[in-house]
C-alpha cells in the first residue's frame, strides 16, 4: 500500500505498524517523534498503530545544535 513518509511516496506492506516502519527504515526509536495524519503517536502506541493506504507520516529527529 502507498503512504507518504516525510513528503515522499513509499510502498509498505498491509499490516505495517509504526514500529515496523521504523525498523524497516533502520531508525532508532531514541530521540524521534512521529505523527500520522497530523496526529502525534506516542512511542507506547507505535506497536499498536497500524498504517493504512494514503496515510501521511512525518518522522522528526531531535538534534542538538549550536
PDB file of N, CA and C in Angstrom:
ATOM      1  N   UNK A   1       0.839  -1.172   0.000  1.00  0.00           N
ATOM      2  CA  UNK A   1       0.000   0.000   0.000  1.00  0.00           C
ATOM      3  C   UNK A   1       0.885   1.236   0.000  1.00  0.00           C
ATOM      4  N   UNK A   2       0.346   2.326  -0.471  1.00  0.00           N
ATOM      5  CA  UNK A   2       1.121   3.557  -0.613  1.00  0.00           C
ATOM      6  C   UNK A   2       0.858   4.495   0.559  1.00  0.00           C
ATOM      7  N   UNK A   3       1.951   5.008   1.148  1.00  0.00           N
ATOM      8  CA  UNK A   3       1.881   6.027   2.184  1.00  0.00           C
ATOM      9  C   UNK A   3       2.795   7.173   1.764  1.00  0.00           C
ATOM     10  N   UNK A   4       2.721   8.261   2.484  1.00  0.00           N
ATOM     11  CA  UNK A   4       3.662   9.358   2.289  1.00  0.00           C
ATOM     12  C   UNK A   4       4.485   9.469   3.561  1.00  0.00           C
ATOM     13  N   UNK A   5       5.798   9.352   3.412  1.00  0.00           N
ATOM     14  CA  UNK A   5       6.710   9.399   4.551  1.00  0.00           C
ATOM     15  C   UNK A   5       7.637  10.587   4.383  1.00  0.00           C
ATOM     16  N   UNK A   6       7.507  11.551   5.268  1.00  0.00           N
ATOM     17  CA  UNK A   6       8.309  12.776   5.205  1.00  0.00           C
ATOM     18  C   UNK A   6       8.280  13.387   3.808  1.00  0.00           C
ATOM     19  N   UNK A   7       7.098  13.415   3.210  1.00  0.00           N
ATOM     20  CA  UNK A   7       6.896  14.069   1.927  1.00  0.00           C
ATOM     21  C   UNK A   7       7.172  13.216   0.705  1.00  0.00           C
ATOM     22  N   UNK A   8       7.633  11.988   0.900  1.00  0.00           N
ATOM     23  CA  UNK A   8       7.955  11.103  -0.221  1.00  0.00           C
ATOM     24  C   UNK A   8       7.021   9.899  -0.241  1.00  0.00           C
ATOM     25  N   UNK A   9       6.626   9.499  -1.428  1.00  0.00           N
ATOM     26  CA  UNK A   9       5.761   8.335  -1.589  1.00  0.00           C
ATOM     27  C   UNK A   9       6.553   7.064  -1.296  1.00  0.00           C
ATOM     28  N   UNK A  10       5.961   6.184  -0.499  1.00  0.00           N
ATOM     29  CA  UNK A  10       6.594   4.915  -0.118  1.00  0.00           C
ATOM     30  C   UNK A  10       5.581   3.794  -0.241  1.00  0.00           C
ATOM     31  N   UNK A  11       6.064   2.604  -0.521  1.00  0.00           N
ATOM     32  CA  UNK A  11       5.233   1.394  -0.520  1.00  0.00           C
ATOM     33  C   UNK A  11       5.553   0.612   0.747  1.00  0.00           C
ATOM     34  N   UNK A  12       4.513   0.203   1.471  1.00  0.00           N
ATOM     35  CA  UNK A  12       4.682  -0.655   2.646  1.00  0.00           C
ATOM     36  C   UNK A  12       3.668  -1.785   2.557  1.00  0.00           C
ATOM     37  N   UNK A  13       3.940  -2.845   3.273  1.00  0.00           N
ATOM     38  CA  UNK A  13       3.028  -3.991   3.291  1.00  0.00           C
ATOM     39  C   UNK A  13       1.803  -3.685   4.139  1.00  0.00           C
ATOM     40  N   UNK A  14       0.678  -4.277   3.761  1.00  0.00           N
ATOM     41  CA  UNK A  14      -0.522  -4.185   4.593  1.00  0.00           C
ATOM     42  C   UNK A  14      -0.188  -4.755   5.965  1.00  0.00           C
ATOM     43  N   UNK A  15      -0.730  -4.159   7.006  1.00  0.00           N
ATOM     44  CA  UNK A  15      -0.459  -4.618   8.362  1.00  0.00           C
ATOM     45  C   UNK A  15       0.778  -4.004   8.988  1.00  0.00           C
ATOM     46  N   UNK A  16       1.426  -3.080   8.284  1.00  0.00           N
ATOM     47  CA  UNK A  16       2.613  -2.423   8.826  1.00  0.00           C
ATOM     48  C   UNK A  16       2.214  -1.495   9.971  1.00  0.00           C
ATOM     49  N   UNK A  17       2.948  -1.605  11.068  1.00  0.00           N
ATOM     50  CA  UNK A  17       2.746  -0.714  12.208  1.00  0.00           C
ATOM     51  C   UNK A  17       3.843   0.347  12.203  1.00  0.00           C
ATOM     52  N   UNK A  18       3.664   1.359  13.025  1.00  0.00           N
ATOM     53  CA  UNK A  18       4.664   2.424  13.108  1.00  0.00           C
ATOM     54  C   UNK A  18       6.020   1.850  13.514  1.00  0.00           C
ATOM     55  N   UNK A  19       6.054   0.965  14.501  1.00  0.00           N
ATOM     56  CA  UNK A  19       7.348   0.421  14.922  1.00  0.00           C
ATOM     57  C   UNK A  19       8.003  -0.429  13.839  1.00  0.00           C
ATOM     58  N   UNK A  20       7.219  -1.140  13.050  1.00  0.00           N
ATOM     59  CA  UNK A  20       7.777  -1.930  11.941  1.00  0.00           C
ATOM     60  C   UNK A  20       8.308  -1.020  10.831  1.00  0.00           C
ATOM     61  N   UNK A  21       7.651   0.102  10.618  1.00  0.00           N
ATOM     62  CA  UNK A  21       8.139   1.073   9.635  1.00  0.00           C
ATOM     63  C   UNK A  21       9.506   1.604  10.062  1.00  0.00           C
ATOM     64  N   UNK A  22       9.642   1.947  11.331  1.00  0.00           N
ATOM     65  CA  UNK A  22      10.933   2.414  11.839  1.00  0.00           C
ATOM     66  C   UNK A  22      12.006   1.353  11.649  1.00  0.00           C
ATOM     67  N   UNK A  23      11.670   0.127  11.976  1.00  0.00           N
ATOM     68  CA  UNK A  23      12.610  -0.985  11.816  1.00  0.00           C
ATOM     69  C   UNK A  23      13.020  -1.141  10.355  1.00  0.00           C
ATOM     70  N   UNK A  24      12.055  -1.078   9.450  1.00  0.00           N
ATOM     71  CA  UNK A  24      12.338  -1.230   8.019  1.00  0.00           C
ATOM     72  C   UNK A  24      13.230  -0.109   7.499  1.00  0.00           C
ATOM     73  N   UNK A  25      13.110   1.071   8.090  1.00  0.00           N
ATOM     74  CA  UNK A  25      13.911   2.224   7.667  1.00  0.00           C
ATOM     75  C   UNK A  25      15.243   2.297   8.406  1.00  0.00           C
ATOM     76  N   UNK A  26      15.463   1.371   9.344  1.00  0.00           N
ATOM     77  CA  UNK A  26      16.717   1.349  10.088  1.00  0.00           C
ATOM     78  C   UNK A  26      16.855   2.499  11.067  1.00  0.00           C
ATOM     79  N   UNK A  27      15.722   2.977  11.585  1.00  0.00           N
ATOM     80  CA  UNK A  27      15.740   4.114  12.505  1.00  0.00           C
ATOM     81  C   UNK A  27      15.619   3.653  13.948  1.00  0.00           C
ATOM     82  N   UNK A  28      16.378   4.281  14.809  1.00  0.00           N
ATOM     83  CA  UNK A  28      16.281   4.033  16.239  1.00  0.00           C
ATOM     84  C   UNK A  28      15.111   4.827  16.804  1.00  0.00           C
ATOM     85  N   UNK A  29      14.469   4.281  17.805  1.00  0.00           N
ATOM     86  CA  UNK A  29      13.336   4.965  18.431  1.00  0.00           C
ATOM     87  C   UNK A  29      13.791   6.131  19.305  1.00  0.00           C
ATOM     88  N   UNK A  30      15.045   6.170  19.607  1.00  0.00           N
ATOM     89  CA  UNK A  30      15.574   7.203  20.505  1.00  0.00           C
ATOM     90  C   UNK A  30      15.593   8.576  19.827  1.00  0.00           C
ATOM     91  N   UNK A  31      14.984   9.545  20.485  1.00  0.00           N
ATOM     92  CA  UNK A  31      15.066  10.927  20.029  1.00  0.00           C
ATOM     93  C   UNK A  31      14.219  11.271  18.821  1.00  0.00           C
ATOM     94  N   UNK A  32      13.155  10.511  18.565  1.00  0.00           N
ATOM     95  CA  UNK A  32      12.302  10.847  17.430  1.00  0.00           C
ATOM     96  C   UNK A  32      10.857  11.023  17.873  1.00  0.00           C
ATOM     97  N   UNK A  33      10.135  11.765  17.066  1.00  0.00           N
ATOM     98  CA  UNK A  33       8.693  11.935  17.248  1.00  0.00           C
ATOM     99  C   UNK A  33       8.029  11.553  15.937  1.00  0.00           C
ATOM    100  N   UNK A  34       6.835  10.983  16.031  1.00  0.00           N
ATOM    101  CA  UNK A  34       6.124  10.519  14.838  1.00  0.00           C
ATOM    102  C   UNK A  34       4.699  11.045  14.854  1.00  0.00           C
ATOM    103  N   UNK A  35       4.282  11.545  13.697  1.00  0.00           N
ATOM    104  CA  UNK A  35       2.890  11.955  13.512  1.00  0.00           C
ATOM    105  C   UNK A  35       2.316  11.165  12.346  1.00  0.00           C
ATOM    106  N   UNK A  36       1.104  10.690  12.515  1.00  0.00           N
ATOM    107  CA  UNK A  36       0.369  10.014  11.450  1.00  0.00           C
ATOM    108  C   UNK A  36      -0.875  10.852  11.185  1.00  0.00           C
ATOM    109  N   UNK A  37      -0.969  11.358   9.961  1.00  0.00           N
ATOM    110  CA  UNK A  37      -2.099  12.215   9.577  1.00  0.00           C
ATOM    111  C   UNK A  37      -2.272  13.381  10.556  1.00  0.00           C
ATOM    112  N   UNK A  38      -1.146  14.043  10.853  1.00  0.00           N
ATOM    113  CA  UNK A  38      -1.107  15.233  11.720  1.00  0.00           C
ATOM    114  C   UNK A  38      -1.452  14.963  13.178  1.00  0.00           C
ATOM    115  N   UNK A  39      -1.449  13.701  13.593  1.00  0.00           N
ATOM    116  CA  UNK A  39      -1.697  13.342  14.995  1.00  0.00           C
ATOM    117  C   UNK A  39      -0.432  12.692  15.552  1.00  0.00           C
ATOM    118  N   UNK A  40       0.099  13.260  16.638  1.00  0.00           N
ATOM    119  CA  UNK A  40       1.280  12.676  17.271  1.00  0.00           C
ATOM    120  C   UNK A  40       0.922  11.292  17.810  1.00  0.00           C
ATOM    121  N   UNK A  41       1.812  10.335  17.561  1.00  0.00           N
ATOM    122  CA  UNK A  41       1.635   8.975  18.080  1.00  0.00           C
ATOM    123  C   UNK A  41       2.730   8.745  19.118  1.00  0.00           C
ATOM    124  N   UNK A  42       2.332   8.559  20.361  1.00  0.00           N
ATOM    125  CA  UNK A  42       3.302   8.304  21.427  1.00  0.00           C
ATOM    126  C   UNK A  42       4.014   6.977  21.220  1.00  0.00           C
ATOM    127  N   UNK A  43       5.250   6.918  21.669  1.00  0.00           N
ATOM    128  CA  UNK A  43       6.053   5.708  21.446  1.00  0.00           C
ATOM    129  C   UNK A  43       5.427   4.463  22.063  1.00  0.00           C
ATOM    130  N   UNK A  44       4.635   4.620  23.106  1.00  0.00           N
ATOM    131  CA  UNK A  44       3.980   3.455  23.710  1.00  0.00           C
ATOM    132  C   UNK A  44       2.892   2.883  22.807  1.00  0.00           C
ATOM    133  N   UNK A  45       2.496   3.634  21.784  1.00  0.00           N
ATOM    134  CA  UNK A  45       1.451   3.172  20.860  1.00  0.00           C
ATOM    135  C   UNK A  45       1.982   2.751  19.491  1.00  0.00           C
ATOM    136  N   UNK A  46       3.277   2.853  19.260  1.00  0.00           N
ATOM    137  CA  UNK A  46       3.820   2.544  17.940  1.00  0.00           C
ATOM    138  C   UNK A  46       3.518   1.116  17.504  1.00  0.00           C
ATOM    139  N   UNK A  47       3.620   0.161  18.415  1.00  0.00           N
ATOM    140  CA  UNK A  47       3.393  -1.247  18.056  1.00  0.00           C
ATOM    141  C   UNK A  47       1.928  -1.531  17.754  1.00  0.00           C
ATOM    142  N   UNK A  48       1.030  -0.673  18.238  1.00  0.00           N
ATOM    143  CA  UNK A  48      -0.409  -0.880  18.049  1.00  0.00           C
ATOM    144  C   UNK A  48      -1.002  -0.021  16.943  1.00  0.00           C
ATOM    145  N   UNK A  49      -0.203   0.861  16.365  1.00  0.00           N
ATOM    146  CA  UNK A  49      -0.725   1.795  15.370  1.00  0.00           C
ATOM    147  C   UNK A  49      -0.491   1.246  13.966  1.00  0.00           C
ATOM    148  N   UNK A  50      -1.562   0.732  13.366  1.00  0.00           N
ATOM    149  CA  UNK A  50      -1.493   0.205  12.003  1.00  0.00           C
ATOM    150  C   UNK A  50      -1.566   1.345  11.006  1.00  0.00           C
ATOM    151  N   UNK A  51      -0.740   1.261   9.987  1.00  0.00           N
ATOM    152  CA  UNK A  51      -0.790   2.243   8.909  1.00  0.00           C
ATOM    153  C   UNK A  51      -1.801   1.792   7.865  1.00  0.00           C
ATOM    154  N   UNK A  52      -2.389   2.761   7.194  1.00  0.00           N
ATOM    155  CA  UNK A  52      -3.366   2.484   6.140  1.00  0.00           C
ATOM    156  C   UNK A  52      -2.925   3.188   4.867  1.00  0.00           C
ATOM    157  N   UNK A  53      -3.372   2.679   3.738  1.00  0.00           N
ATOM    158  CA  UNK A  53      -3.072   3.316   2.463  1.00  0.00           C
ATOM    159  C   UNK A  53      -3.494   4.774   2.490  1.00  0.00           C
ATOM    160  N   UNK A  54      -2.621   5.647   2.016  1.00  0.00           N
ATOM    161  CA  UNK A  54      -2.914   7.072   1.983  1.00  0.00           C
ATOM    162  C   UNK A  54      -2.478   7.826   3.219  1.00  0.00           C
ATOM    163  N   UNK A  55      -2.019   7.115   4.256  1.00  0.00           N
ATOM    164  CA  UNK A  55      -1.560   7.800   5.462  1.00  0.00           C
ATOM    165  C   UNK A  55      -0.367   8.695   5.150  1.00  0.00           C
ATOM    166  N   UNK A  56      -0.284   9.783   5.897  1.00  0.00           N
ATOM    167  CA  UNK A  56       0.841  10.713   5.800  1.00  0.00           C
ATOM    168  C   UNK A  56       1.587  10.646   7.127  1.00  0.00           C
ATOM    169  N   UNK A  57       2.837  10.198   7.058  1.00  0.00           N
ATOM    170  CA  UNK A  57       3.648  10.009   8.253  1.00  0.00           C
ATOM    171  C   UNK A  57       4.807  10.988   8.222  1.00  0.00           C
ATOM    172  N   UNK A  58       5.015  11.657   9.341  1.00  0.00           N
ATOM    173  CA  UNK A  58       6.165  12.542   9.499  1.00  0.00           C
ATOM    174  C   UNK A  58       6.995  12.005  10.653  1.00  0.00           C
ATOM    175  N   UNK A  59       8.282  11.804  10.391  1.00  0.00           N
ATOM    176  CA  UNK A  59       9.219  11.379  11.421  1.00  0.00           C
ATOM    177  C   UNK A  59      10.208  12.517  11.611  1.00  0.00           C
ATOM    178  N   UNK A  60      10.289  13.000  12.847  1.00  0.00           N
ATOM    179  CA  UNK A  60      11.170  14.117  13.167  1.00  0.00           C
ATOM    180  C   UNK A  60      12.210  13.622  14.157  1.00  0.00           C
ATOM    181  N   UNK A  61      13.474  13.901  13.858  1.00  0.00           N
ATOM    182  CA  UNK A  61      14.570  13.508  14.724  1.00  0.00           C
ATOM    183  C   UNK A  61      15.067  14.720  15.492  1.00  0.00           C
ATOM    184  N   UNK A  62      15.177  14.575  16.812  1.00  0.00           N
ATOM    185  CA  UNK A  62      15.717  15.653  17.642  1.00  0.00           C
ATOM    186  C   UNK A  62      17.224  15.716  17.427  1.00  0.00           C
ATOM    187  N   UNK A  63      17.715  16.933  17.234  1.00  0.00           N
ATOM    188  CA  UNK A  63      19.154  17.138  17.056  1.00  0.00           C
ATOM    189  C   UNK A  63      19.575  18.335  17.881  1.00  0.00           C
ATOM    190  N   UNK A  64      20.744  18.221  18.429  1.00  0.00           N
ATOM    191  CA  UNK A  64      21.270  19.332  19.202  1.00  0.00           C
ATOM    192  C   UNK A  64      22.087  20.215  18.278  1.00  0.00           C
ATOM    193  N   UNK A  65      21.855  21.483  18.368  1.00  0.00           N
ATOM    194  CA  UNK A  65      22.593  22.418  17.516  1.00  0.00           C
ATOM    195  C   UNK A  65      23.356  23.414  18.365  1.00  0.00           C
ATOM    196  N   UNK A  66      24.033  24.269  17.658  1.00  0.00           N
ATOM    197  CA  UNK A  66      24.779  25.254  18.437  1.00  0.00           C
ATOM    198  C   UNK A  66      25.289  26.358  17.599  1.00  0.00           C
TER     199      UNK A  66
END
